[in-house]
């Protein structure tokens, strides 16, 4: 998540301690919003870790994989030439 979302969730969470009459429902909503922010940051971190792990595995396996033969160069297609 972006820093704005994190900041908004933090402000919402800290605002629950202002002593409002409906502090219980506000506190639970703030805690819920904060947990959503934390969960989305964790998901983003897991995606990044997966990508880095895949790259490192492919890099580590390169010496053991057979080299693919180089493709043969293709001849340009013959184009018809107008005769005068």
C-alpha atoms as a PDB file:
ATOM      1  CA  UNK A   1       0.000   0.000   0.000  1.00  0.00           C
ATOM      2  CA  UNK A   2       1.016   3.529  -0.345  1.00  0.00           C
ATOM      3  CA  UNK A   3       2.321   5.704   2.438  1.00  0.00           C
ATOM      4  CA  UNK A   4      -0.921   7.717   2.345  1.00  0.00           C
ATOM      5  CA  UNK A   5      -2.993   4.649   3.167  1.00  0.00           C
ATOM      6  CA  UNK A   6      -0.643   3.677   5.969  1.00  0.00           C
ATOM      7  CA  UNK A   7      -0.752   7.198   7.368  1.00  0.00           C
ATOM      8  CA  UNK A   8      -4.549   7.331   7.131  1.00  0.00           C
ATOM      9  CA  UNK A   9      -4.914   4.004   8.936  1.00  0.00           C
ATOM     10  CA  UNK A  10      -2.497   5.123  11.643  1.00  0.00           C
ATOM     11  CA  UNK A  11      -4.322   8.419  12.153  1.00  0.00           C
ATOM     12  CA  UNK A  12      -7.620   6.556  12.304  1.00  0.00           C
ATOM     13  CA  UNK A  13      -6.193   4.120  14.821  1.00  0.00           C
ATOM     14  CA  UNK A  14      -4.699   6.821  17.024  1.00  0.00           C
ATOM     15  CA  UNK A  15      -7.875   8.864  16.799  1.00  0.00           C
ATOM     16  CA  UNK A  16      -9.756   6.126  18.622  1.00  0.00           C
ATOM     17  CA  UNK A  17      -8.159   7.144  21.892  1.00  0.00           C
ATOM     18  CA  UNK A  18      -9.849  10.553  21.929  1.00  0.00           C
ATOM     19  CA  UNK A  19     -12.473   9.406  24.433  1.00  0.00           C
ATOM     20  CA  UNK A  20     -15.550   9.411  22.181  1.00  0.00           C
ATOM     21  CA  UNK A  21     -18.739   7.781  23.450  1.00  0.00           C
ATOM     22  CA  UNK A  22     -18.715   5.295  20.582  1.00  0.00           C
ATOM     23  CA  UNK A  23     -15.086   4.372  21.145  1.00  0.00           C
ATOM     24  CA  UNK A  24     -15.761   0.634  21.085  1.00  0.00           C
ATOM     25  CA  UNK A  25     -17.137   0.516  17.551  1.00  0.00           C
ATOM     26  CA  UNK A  26     -14.683   3.150  16.338  1.00  0.00           C
ATOM     27  CA  UNK A  27     -11.781   1.276  17.908  1.00  0.00           C
ATOM     28  CA  UNK A  28     -12.813  -1.983  16.311  1.00  0.00           C
ATOM     29  CA  UNK A  29     -13.203  -0.312  12.910  1.00  0.00           C
ATOM     30  CA  UNK A  30      -9.804   1.354  13.276  1.00  0.00           C
ATOM     31  CA  UNK A  31      -8.164  -1.913  14.276  1.00  0.00           C
ATOM     32  CA  UNK A  32      -9.812  -3.619  11.329  1.00  0.00           C
ATOM     33  CA  UNK A  33      -8.594  -0.928   8.929  1.00  0.00           C
ATOM     34  CA  UNK A  34      -5.088  -1.160  10.346  1.00  0.00           C
ATOM     35  CA  UNK A  35      -5.055  -4.942   9.997  1.00  0.00           C
ATOM     36  CA  UNK A  36      -6.133  -4.628   6.349  1.00  0.00           C
ATOM     37  CA  UNK A  37      -3.230  -2.240   5.699  1.00  0.00           C
ATOM     38  CA  UNK A  38      -0.761  -4.552   7.416  1.00  0.00           C
ATOM     39  CA  UNK A  39      -2.103  -7.587   5.533  1.00  0.00           C
ATOM     40  CA  UNK A  40      -1.800  -5.866   2.159  1.00  0.00           C
ATOM     41  CA  UNK A  41       1.775  -4.849   2.931  1.00  0.00           C
ATOM     42  CA  UNK A  42       2.521  -8.462   3.858  1.00  0.00           C
ATOM     43  CA  UNK A  43       0.978  -9.678   0.605  1.00  0.00           C
ATOM     44  CA  UNK A  44       3.115  -7.244  -1.397  1.00  0.00           C
ATOM     45  CA  UNK A  45       6.222  -8.430   0.451  1.00  0.00           C
ATOM     46  CA  UNK A  46       5.400 -12.076  -0.298  1.00  0.00           C
ATOM     47  CA  UNK A  47       4.975 -11.312  -4.007  1.00  0.00           C
ATOM     48  CA  UNK A  48       8.382  -9.619  -4.053  1.00  0.00           C
ATOM     49  CA  UNK A  49      10.017 -12.505  -2.150  1.00  0.00           C
ATOM     50  CA  UNK A  50       8.487 -15.028  -4.594  1.00  0.00           C
ATOM     51  CA  UNK A  51       9.793 -13.067  -7.592  1.00  0.00           C
ATOM     52  CA  UNK A  52      13.307 -12.778  -6.113  1.00  0.00           C
ATOM     53  CA  UNK A  53      13.338 -16.475  -5.202  1.00  0.00           C
ATOM     54  CA  UNK A  54      12.324 -17.472  -8.717  1.00  0.00           C
ATOM     55  CA  UNK A  55      15.057 -15.280 -10.215  1.00  0.00           C
ATOM     56  CA  UNK A  56      17.717 -16.693  -7.894  1.00  0.00           C
ATOM     57  CA  UNK A  57      16.652 -20.291  -8.611  1.00  0.00           C
ATOM     58  CA  UNK A  58      16.835 -19.716 -12.364  1.00  0.00           C
ATOM     59  CA  UNK A  59      20.241 -18.077 -11.989  1.00  0.00           C
ATOM     60  CA  UNK A  60      21.509 -20.985  -9.851  1.00  0.00           C
ATOM     61  CA  UNK A  61      20.247 -23.576 -12.356  1.00  0.00           C
ATOM     62  CA  UNK A  62      21.837 -21.958 -15.418  1.00  0.00           C
ATOM     63  CA  UNK A  63      25.105 -23.942 -15.232  1.00  0.00           C
ATOM     64  CA  UNK A  64      23.192 -27.239 -15.154  1.00  0.00           C
ATOM     65  CA  UNK A  65      20.822 -26.554 -18.048  1.00  0.00           C
ATOM     66  CA  UNK A  66      21.825 -27.493 -21.586  1.00  0.00           C
ATOM     67  CA  UNK A  67      22.495 -24.575 -23.836  1.00  0.00           C
ATOM     68  CA  UNK A  68      19.849 -24.035 -26.458  1.00  0.00           C
ATOM     69  CA  UNK A  69      21.206 -24.180 -30.005  1.00  0.00           C
ATOM     70  CA  UNK A  70      21.467 -20.809 -31.652  1.00  0.00           C
ATOM     71  CA  UNK A  71      18.678 -20.273 -34.148  1.00  0.00           C
ATOM     72  CA  UNK A  72      19.750 -20.351 -37.765  1.00  0.00           C
ATOM     73  CA  UNK A  73      19.632 -16.964 -39.408  1.00  0.00           C
ATOM     74  CA  UNK A  74      16.693 -16.631 -41.740  1.00  0.00           C
ATOM     75  CA  UNK A  75      17.090 -15.494 -45.298  1.00  0.00           C
ATOM     76  CA  UNK A  76      15.036 -12.477 -46.221  1.00  0.00           C
ATOM     77  CA  UNK A  77      11.880 -13.306 -48.144  1.00  0.00           C
ATOM     78  CA  UNK A  78      12.105 -12.971 -51.859  1.00  0.00           C
ATOM     79  CA  UNK A  79      10.172 -10.024 -53.128  1.00  0.00           C
ATOM     80  CA  UNK A  80       8.880  -9.888 -56.664  1.00  0.00           C
ATOM     81  CA  UNK A  81      10.567  -7.261 -58.787  1.00  0.00           C
ATOM     82  CA  UNK A  82       8.616  -5.496 -61.481  1.00  0.00           C
ATOM     83  CA  UNK A  83      10.164  -5.944 -64.899  1.00  0.00           C
ATOM     84  CA  UNK A  84      10.049  -3.166 -67.409  1.00  0.00           C
END
